[in-house]
């Protein structure tokens, strides 16, 4: 985890909202790791499918955009007052700024990665141009050489697997929606079911089976689109 904003002027350290999201994200990984049942040799979260290991972490991020949760986490450093409603509302309303662009950007990178590792060797720049022609919505600098710095797929272990970020987001948004449907994002019954069928089950069975056991159906992309304000 990256360093947090350091304390200043003799006061306690304060976290930005982005840093709070990071804490929740990494804690999701911790839960997956700690709650995987030890009775199964393959249940450790690291043995779950590569495109599912980000499910618990991205799932936990959702609570950072809930007003009740934000109020319980935040207080003024000098007065101790809760974060005002208007500030809370403005923060939440900023969540989906550029969400459609960001989604297409991830699709662009995922397709780029898949195409580079699929079939016979091809010129990288030609592959990138073809993908961008299909999904890009903003102009690109003619001499752009982004692939030269795409370290995720060349030095970060995500080769032919970069799509996993977005797919895990589909799973996490759909899983979180189960709490929304329950009418309470802190619903203990839904939480216990998520723990049993997803976190504890972990790698003892395919994540698709874990998800279906939790939601009662296959994952739907509609939840992700709703969470991004696109439906």
C-alpha atoms as a PDB file:
ATOM      1  CA  UNK A   1       0.000   0.000   0.000  1.00  0.00           C
ATOM      2  CA  UNK A   2       1.303   3.426  -0.860  1.00  0.00           C
ATOM      3  CA  UNK A   3       2.171   5.984   1.799  1.00  0.00           C
ATOM      4  CA  UNK A   4      -0.614   8.090   3.264  1.00  0.00           C
ATOM      5  CA  UNK A   5      -0.653  11.849   3.607  1.00  0.00           C
ATOM      6  CA  UNK A   6       1.714  12.606   6.534  1.00  0.00           C
ATOM      7  CA  UNK A   7       0.604  14.630   9.598  1.00  0.00           C
ATOM      8  CA  UNK A   8       1.306  18.363   9.475  1.00  0.00           C
ATOM      9  CA  UNK A   9       1.576  21.234  11.960  1.00  0.00           C
ATOM     10  CA  UNK A  10       1.516  18.907  14.954  1.00  0.00           C
ATOM     11  CA  UNK A  11      -1.951  17.553  14.203  1.00  0.00           C
ATOM     12  CA  UNK A  12      -3.079  13.990  13.708  1.00  0.00           C
ATOM     13  CA  UNK A  13      -2.700  12.551  10.237  1.00  0.00           C
ATOM     14  CA  UNK A  14      -5.706  12.883   7.953  1.00  0.00           C
ATOM     15  CA  UNK A  15      -6.671  10.671   5.041  1.00  0.00           C
ATOM     16  CA  UNK A  16      -8.022  11.921   1.757  1.00  0.00           C
ATOM     17  CA  UNK A  17     -11.117  10.196   0.449  1.00  0.00           C
ATOM     18  CA  UNK A  18      -8.982   8.475  -2.165  1.00  0.00           C
ATOM     19  CA  UNK A  19      -6.798   7.080   0.619  1.00  0.00           C
ATOM     20  CA  UNK A  20      -9.880   5.838   2.486  1.00  0.00           C
ATOM     21  CA  UNK A  21     -10.952   4.025  -0.687  1.00  0.00           C
ATOM     22  CA  UNK A  22      -7.481   2.456  -0.808  1.00  0.00           C
ATOM     23  CA  UNK A  23      -7.812   1.241   2.798  1.00  0.00           C
ATOM     24  CA  UNK A  24     -11.162  -0.378   2.056  1.00  0.00           C
ATOM     25  CA  UNK A  25      -9.820  -1.890  -1.169  1.00  0.00           C
ATOM     26  CA  UNK A  26      -6.816  -3.502   0.484  1.00  0.00           C
ATOM     27  CA  UNK A  27      -8.917  -4.624   3.442  1.00  0.00           C
ATOM     28  CA  UNK A  28     -11.076  -6.532   0.956  1.00  0.00           C
ATOM     29  CA  UNK A  29      -7.967  -8.477  -0.080  1.00  0.00           C
ATOM     30  CA  UNK A  30      -7.191  -9.072   3.603  1.00  0.00           C
ATOM     31  CA  UNK A  31     -10.677 -10.473   4.228  1.00  0.00           C
ATOM     32  CA  UNK A  32     -10.375 -12.779   1.228  1.00  0.00           C
ATOM     33  CA  UNK A  33      -7.030 -14.020   2.479  1.00  0.00           C
ATOM     34  CA  UNK A  34      -8.040 -14.418   6.133  1.00  0.00           C
ATOM     35  CA  UNK A  35     -11.484 -15.955   5.664  1.00  0.00           C
ATOM     36  CA  UNK A  36     -10.653 -18.580   3.041  1.00  0.00           C
ATOM     37  CA  UNK A  37     -11.343 -21.860   4.833  1.00  0.00           C
ATOM     38  CA  UNK A  38      -8.032 -23.601   5.694  1.00  0.00           C
ATOM     39  CA  UNK A  39      -9.656 -27.052   5.360  1.00  0.00           C
ATOM     40  CA  UNK A  40      -9.238 -26.842   1.605  1.00  0.00           C
ATOM     41  CA  UNK A  41      -5.754 -26.850   0.121  1.00  0.00           C
ATOM     42  CA  UNK A  42      -6.847 -24.683  -2.803  1.00  0.00           C
ATOM     43  CA  UNK A  43      -9.032 -22.231  -0.863  1.00  0.00           C
ATOM     44  CA  UNK A  44      -6.375 -19.594  -0.363  1.00  0.00           C
ATOM     45  CA  UNK A  45      -7.444 -16.451  -2.235  1.00  0.00           C
ATOM     46  CA  UNK A  46      -4.223 -16.362  -4.224  1.00  0.00           C
ATOM     47  CA  UNK A  47      -5.345 -19.578  -5.884  1.00  0.00           C
ATOM     48  CA  UNK A  48      -8.650 -18.073  -6.971  1.00  0.00           C
ATOM     49  CA  UNK A  49      -8.871 -17.240 -10.653  1.00  0.00           C
ATOM     50  CA  UNK A  50      -6.823 -14.253 -11.699  1.00  0.00           C
ATOM     51  CA  UNK A  51      -9.917 -12.435 -12.941  1.00  0.00           C
ATOM     52  CA  UNK A  52     -11.631 -12.831  -9.556  1.00  0.00           C
ATOM     53  CA  UNK A  53      -9.013 -11.780  -7.016  1.00  0.00           C
ATOM     54  CA  UNK A  54     -10.078  -8.134  -7.287  1.00  0.00           C
ATOM     55  CA  UNK A  55     -13.724  -8.969  -6.496  1.00  0.00           C
ATOM     56  CA  UNK A  56     -13.545  -8.595  -2.670  1.00  0.00           C
ATOM     57  CA  UNK A  57     -11.347  -5.484  -2.849  1.00  0.00           C
ATOM     58  CA  UNK A  58     -13.440  -3.593  -5.395  1.00  0.00           C
ATOM     59  CA  UNK A  59     -16.552  -4.793  -3.563  1.00  0.00           C
ATOM     60  CA  UNK A  60     -15.427  -3.081  -0.349  1.00  0.00           C
ATOM     61  CA  UNK A  61     -14.847   0.238  -2.123  1.00  0.00           C
ATOM     62  CA  UNK A  62     -18.600   0.711  -2.521  1.00  0.00           C
ATOM     63  CA  UNK A  63     -19.071   1.554   1.135  1.00  0.00           C
ATOM     64  CA  UNK A  64     -16.800   4.561   0.721  1.00  0.00           C
ATOM     65  CA  UNK A  65     -19.484   6.188  -1.441  1.00  0.00           C
ATOM     66  CA  UNK A  66     -22.354   5.684   1.015  1.00  0.00           C
ATOM     67  CA  UNK A  67     -23.514   8.719   2.964  1.00  0.00           C
ATOM     68  CA  UNK A  68     -24.134   6.854   6.203  1.00  0.00           C
ATOM     69  CA  UNK A  69     -20.698   5.273   6.082  1.00  0.00           C
ATOM     70  CA  UNK A  70     -18.981   8.541   5.183  1.00  0.00           C
ATOM     71  CA  UNK A  71     -20.591  10.293   8.122  1.00  0.00           C
ATOM     72  CA  UNK A  72     -19.538   7.535  10.497  1.00  0.00           C
ATOM     73  CA  UNK A  73     -15.928   7.778   9.268  1.00  0.00           C
ATOM     74  CA  UNK A  74     -15.513  11.543   9.065  1.00  0.00           C
ATOM     75  CA  UNK A  75     -15.225  14.283  11.642  1.00  0.00           C
ATOM     76  CA  UNK A  76     -13.703  17.743  11.610  1.00  0.00           C
ATOM     77  CA  UNK A  77     -10.167  17.626  12.967  1.00  0.00           C
ATOM     78  CA  UNK A  78     -10.711  20.681  15.175  1.00  0.00           C
ATOM     79  CA  UNK A  79     -14.417  20.642  16.109  1.00  0.00           C
ATOM     80  CA  UNK A  80     -15.223  16.934  15.825  1.00  0.00           C
ATOM     81  CA  UNK A  81     -18.335  17.745  13.791  1.00  0.00           C
ATOM     82  CA  UNK A  82     -19.564  15.261  11.204  1.00  0.00           C
ATOM     83  CA  UNK A  83     -19.030  15.977   7.546  1.00  0.00           C
ATOM     84  CA  UNK A  84     -21.872  18.320   6.396  1.00  0.00           C
ATOM     85  CA  UNK A  85     -24.608  16.895   4.189  1.00  0.00           C
ATOM     86  CA  UNK A  86     -23.854  19.233   1.298  1.00  0.00           C
ATOM     87  CA  UNK A  87     -20.166  18.304   1.244  1.00  0.00           C
ATOM     88  CA  UNK A  88     -21.043  14.624   1.504  1.00  0.00           C
ATOM     89  CA  UNK A  89     -23.540  14.937  -1.337  1.00  0.00           C
ATOM     90  CA  UNK A  90     -21.024  16.742  -3.542  1.00  0.00           C
ATOM     91  CA  UNK A  91     -18.411  14.059  -2.934  1.00  0.00           C
ATOM     92  CA  UNK A  92     -20.842  11.273  -3.815  1.00  0.00           C
ATOM     93  CA  UNK A  93     -22.068  13.134  -6.903  1.00  0.00           C
ATOM     94  CA  UNK A  94     -18.475  13.311  -8.173  1.00  0.00           C
ATOM     95  CA  UNK A  95     -18.185   9.515  -8.188  1.00  0.00           C
ATOM     96  CA  UNK A  96     -19.408   9.025 -11.743  1.00  0.00           C
ATOM     97  CA  UNK A  97     -17.649  11.980 -13.345  1.00  0.00           C
ATOM     98  CA  UNK A  98     -16.132  10.679 -16.604  1.00  0.00           C
ATOM     99  CA  UNK A  99     -17.305   7.144 -15.777  1.00  0.00           C
ATOM    100  CA  UNK A 100     -18.226   6.315 -19.388  1.00  0.00           C
ATOM    101  CA  UNK A 101     -14.845   7.525 -20.616  1.00  0.00           C
ATOM    102  CA  UNK A 102     -13.047   5.567 -17.911  1.00  0.00           C
ATOM    103  CA  UNK A 103     -14.982   2.409 -18.796  1.00  0.00           C
ATOM    104  CA  UNK A 104     -14.087   2.703 -22.473  1.00  0.00           C
ATOM    105  CA  UNK A 105     -10.469   3.385 -21.554  1.00  0.00           C
ATOM    106  CA  UNK A 106     -10.328   0.093 -19.660  1.00  0.00           C
ATOM    107  CA  UNK A 107     -12.009  -1.686 -22.580  1.00  0.00           C
ATOM    108  CA  UNK A 108      -9.397  -0.172 -24.898  1.00  0.00           C
ATOM    109  CA  UNK A 109      -6.525  -1.400 -22.733  1.00  0.00           C
ATOM    110  CA  UNK A 110      -8.090  -4.827 -22.284  1.00  0.00           C
ATOM    111  CA  UNK A 111      -8.633  -5.319 -26.017  1.00  0.00           C
ATOM    112  CA  UNK A 112      -5.133  -4.037 -26.731  1.00  0.00           C
ATOM    113  CA  UNK A 113      -3.719  -6.610 -24.308  1.00  0.00           C
ATOM    114  CA  UNK A 114      -5.786  -9.473 -25.718  1.00  0.00           C
ATOM    115  CA  UNK A 115      -4.904  -8.667 -29.312  1.00  0.00           C
ATOM    116  CA  UNK A 116      -1.193  -8.416 -28.576  1.00  0.00           C
ATOM    117  CA  UNK A 117      -1.150 -11.912 -27.089  1.00  0.00           C
ATOM    118  CA  UNK A 118      -3.514 -13.506 -29.603  1.00  0.00           C
ATOM    119  CA  UNK A 119      -2.559 -15.166 -32.861  1.00  0.00           C
ATOM    120  CA  UNK A 120       0.551 -14.574 -34.942  1.00  0.00           C
ATOM    121  CA  UNK A 121       3.012 -11.784 -33.993  1.00  0.00           C
ATOM    122  CA  UNK A 122       1.939  -8.397 -35.329  1.00  0.00           C
ATOM    123  CA  UNK A 123       3.229  -4.858 -35.275  1.00  0.00           C
ATOM    124  CA  UNK A 124       2.277  -3.390 -31.889  1.00  0.00           C
ATOM    125  CA  UNK A 125       1.451   0.057 -33.247  1.00  0.00           C
ATOM    126  CA  UNK A 126      -0.884  -1.431 -35.848  1.00  0.00           C
ATOM    127  CA  UNK A 127      -2.687  -3.469 -33.189  1.00  0.00           C
ATOM    128  CA  UNK A 128      -3.127  -0.387 -31.015  1.00  0.00           C
ATOM    129  CA  UNK A 129      -4.416   1.706 -33.919  1.00  0.00           C
ATOM    130  CA  UNK A 130      -6.965  -0.967 -34.840  1.00  0.00           C
ATOM    131  CA  UNK A 131      -8.279  -1.202 -31.274  1.00  0.00           C
ATOM    132  CA  UNK A 132      -8.481   2.558 -30.888  1.00  0.00           C
ATOM    133  CA  UNK A 133     -10.366   2.870 -34.152  1.00  0.00           C
ATOM    134  CA  UNK A 134     -12.958   0.536 -32.699  1.00  0.00           C
ATOM    135  CA  UNK A 135     -13.477   2.007 -29.215  1.00  0.00           C
ATOM    136  CA  UNK A 136     -11.580   5.295 -28.769  1.00  0.00           C
ATOM    137  CA  UNK A 137     -13.746   8.422 -28.446  1.00  0.00           C
ATOM    138  CA  UNK A 138     -11.057  11.086 -28.100  1.00  0.00           C
ATOM    139  CA  UNK A 139      -8.189  11.986 -30.421  1.00  0.00           C
ATOM    140  CA  UNK A 140      -4.723  10.540 -29.850  1.00  0.00           C
ATOM    141  CA  UNK A 141      -1.414  12.308 -30.356  1.00  0.00           C
ATOM    142  CA  UNK A 142       0.011  11.018 -33.617  1.00  0.00           C
ATOM    143  CA  UNK A 143       3.354  10.049 -32.082  1.00  0.00           C
ATOM    144  CA  UNK A 144       1.793   8.495 -28.987  1.00  0.00           C
ATOM    145  CA  UNK A 145       3.728   5.441 -27.819  1.00  0.00           C
ATOM    146  CA  UNK A 146       1.666   4.407 -24.819  1.00  0.00           C
ATOM    147  CA  UNK A 147       2.324   0.650 -25.288  1.00  0.00           C
ATOM    148  CA  UNK A 148       5.998   1.323 -24.502  1.00  0.00           C
ATOM    149  CA  UNK A 149       4.951   2.182 -20.938  1.00  0.00           C
ATOM    150  CA  UNK A 150       2.109  -0.333 -20.502  1.00  0.00           C
ATOM    151  CA  UNK A 151       4.015  -2.023 -17.691  1.00  0.00           C
ATOM    152  CA  UNK A 152       0.990  -3.950 -16.393  1.00  0.00           C
ATOM    153  CA  UNK A 153       1.151  -6.378 -19.305  1.00  0.00           C
ATOM    154  CA  UNK A 154       4.890  -6.391 -19.930  1.00  0.00           C
ATOM    155  CA  UNK A 155       6.285  -6.301 -16.402  1.00  0.00           C
ATOM    156  CA  UNK A 156       3.322  -6.524 -14.036  1.00  0.00           C
ATOM    157  CA  UNK A 157       1.980 -10.026 -14.523  1.00  0.00           C
ATOM    158  CA  UNK A 158      -1.210  -8.982 -16.305  1.00  0.00           C
ATOM    159  CA  UNK A 159      -0.251 -10.147 -19.804  1.00  0.00           C
ATOM    160  CA  UNK A 160      -3.397 -11.435 -21.558  1.00  0.00           C
ATOM    161  CA  UNK A 161      -5.223 -10.747 -18.311  1.00  0.00           C
ATOM    162  CA  UNK A 162      -5.672  -7.001 -18.047  1.00  0.00           C
ATOM    163  CA  UNK A 163      -9.416  -7.466 -18.666  1.00  0.00           C
ATOM    164  CA  UNK A 164      -9.616  -8.901 -15.132  1.00  0.00           C
ATOM    165  CA  UNK A 165      -9.826  -5.411 -13.620  1.00  0.00           C
ATOM    166  CA  UNK A 166     -13.072  -4.641 -15.421  1.00  0.00           C
ATOM    167  CA  UNK A 167     -14.512  -8.140 -15.080  1.00  0.00           C
ATOM    168  CA  UNK A 168     -13.875  -8.108 -11.327  1.00  0.00           C
ATOM    169  CA  UNK A 169     -15.673  -4.758 -11.261  1.00  0.00           C
ATOM    170  CA  UNK A 170     -18.691  -6.399 -12.915  1.00  0.00           C
ATOM    171  CA  UNK A 171     -18.666  -9.037 -10.163  1.00  0.00           C
ATOM    172  CA  UNK A 172     -18.136  -6.555  -7.338  1.00  0.00           C
ATOM    173  CA  UNK A 173     -20.877  -4.161  -8.494  1.00  0.00           C
ATOM    174  CA  UNK A 174     -23.349  -7.025  -8.848  1.00  0.00           C
ATOM    175  CA  UNK A 175     -22.407  -8.425  -5.438  1.00  0.00           C
ATOM    176  CA  UNK A 176     -22.841  -5.020  -3.787  1.00  0.00           C
ATOM    177  CA  UNK A 177     -26.239  -4.649  -5.432  1.00  0.00           C
ATOM    178  CA  UNK A 178     -27.430  -7.598  -3.364  1.00  0.00           C
ATOM    179  CA  UNK A 179     -27.116  -5.334  -0.321  1.00  0.00           C
ATOM    180  CA  UNK A 180     -28.913  -2.517  -2.117  1.00  0.00           C
ATOM    181  CA  UNK A 181     -31.747  -4.908  -3.001  1.00  0.00           C
ATOM    182  CA  UNK A 182     -31.932  -5.968   0.647  1.00  0.00           C
ATOM    183  CA  UNK A 183     -32.635  -2.334   1.535  1.00  0.00           C
ATOM    184  CA  UNK A 184     -29.678  -2.128   3.880  1.00  0.00           C
ATOM    185  CA  UNK A 185     -26.036  -2.044   2.826  1.00  0.00           C
ATOM    186  CA  UNK A 186     -25.162  -3.276   6.325  1.00  0.00           C
ATOM    187  CA  UNK A 187     -27.625  -6.193   6.146  1.00  0.00           C
ATOM    188  CA  UNK A 188     -26.109  -8.964   8.305  1.00  0.00           C
ATOM    189  CA  UNK A 189     -27.905 -11.806   6.501  1.00  0.00           C
ATOM    190  CA  UNK A 190     -26.599 -10.745   3.091  1.00  0.00           C
ATOM    191  CA  UNK A 191     -23.171 -10.145   4.614  1.00  0.00           C
ATOM    192  CA  UNK A 192     -23.059 -13.610   6.154  1.00  0.00           C
ATOM    193  CA  UNK A 193     -24.027 -15.156   2.822  1.00  0.00           C
ATOM    194  CA  UNK A 194     -21.304 -13.214   0.998  1.00  0.00           C
ATOM    195  CA  UNK A 195     -18.768 -14.343   3.580  1.00  0.00           C
ATOM    196  CA  UNK A 196     -19.795 -17.990   3.311  1.00  0.00           C
ATOM    197  CA  UNK A 197     -20.265 -18.300  -0.451  1.00  0.00           C
ATOM    198  CA  UNK A 198     -17.532 -15.969  -1.725  1.00  0.00           C
ATOM    199  CA  UNK A 199     -14.868 -15.206   0.878  1.00  0.00           C
ATOM    200  CA  UNK A 200     -14.789 -18.525   2.726  1.00  0.00           C
ATOM    201  CA  UNK A 201     -15.394 -20.657  -0.363  1.00  0.00           C
ATOM    202  CA  UNK A 202     -12.666 -18.750  -2.210  1.00  0.00           C
ATOM    203  CA  UNK A 203     -10.657 -21.149  -4.376  1.00  0.00           C
ATOM    204  CA  UNK A 204     -12.279 -24.448  -3.330  1.00  0.00           C
ATOM    205  CA  UNK A 205     -14.551 -24.064  -6.376  1.00  0.00           C
ATOM    206  CA  UNK A 206     -14.612 -21.762  -9.436  1.00  0.00           C
ATOM    207  CA  UNK A 207     -15.521 -18.176  -8.600  1.00  0.00           C
ATOM    208  CA  UNK A 208     -18.434 -18.382 -11.033  1.00  0.00           C
ATOM    209  CA  UNK A 209     -19.934 -21.069  -8.819  1.00  0.00           C
ATOM    210  CA  UNK A 210     -19.232 -18.992  -5.718  1.00  0.00           C
ATOM    211  CA  UNK A 211     -20.980 -16.023  -7.278  1.00  0.00           C
ATOM    212  CA  UNK A 212     -24.018 -18.019  -8.383  1.00  0.00           C
ATOM    213  CA  UNK A 213     -24.279 -19.513  -4.885  1.00  0.00           C
ATOM    214  CA  UNK A 214     -24.348 -15.978  -3.478  1.00  0.00           C
ATOM    215  CA  UNK A 215     -26.582 -14.221  -6.012  1.00  0.00           C
ATOM    216  CA  UNK A 216     -28.630 -17.140  -7.264  1.00  0.00           C
ATOM    217  CA  UNK A 217     -27.776 -16.316 -10.876  1.00  0.00           C
ATOM    218  CA  UNK A 218     -24.891 -15.524 -13.196  1.00  0.00           C
ATOM    219  CA  UNK A 219     -23.321 -12.033 -12.943  1.00  0.00           C
ATOM    220  CA  UNK A 220     -24.883  -9.209 -14.925  1.00  0.00           C
ATOM    221  CA  UNK A 221     -23.089  -6.210 -16.418  1.00  0.00           C
ATOM    222  CA  UNK A 222     -26.184  -4.081 -15.708  1.00  0.00           C
ATOM    223  CA  UNK A 223     -25.121  -3.583 -12.094  1.00  0.00           C
ATOM    224  CA  UNK A 224     -21.803  -2.085 -13.187  1.00  0.00           C
ATOM    225  CA  UNK A 225     -23.547   0.252 -15.621  1.00  0.00           C
ATOM    226  CA  UNK A 226     -25.997   1.356 -12.922  1.00  0.00           C
ATOM    227  CA  UNK A 227     -23.165   2.012 -10.473  1.00  0.00           C
ATOM    228  CA  UNK A 228     -21.444   4.121 -13.100  1.00  0.00           C
ATOM    229  CA  UNK A 229     -24.580   6.144 -13.764  1.00  0.00           C
ATOM    230  CA  UNK A 230     -24.832   4.694 -17.287  1.00  0.00           C
ATOM    231  CA  UNK A 231     -28.250   3.049 -16.887  1.00  0.00           C
END
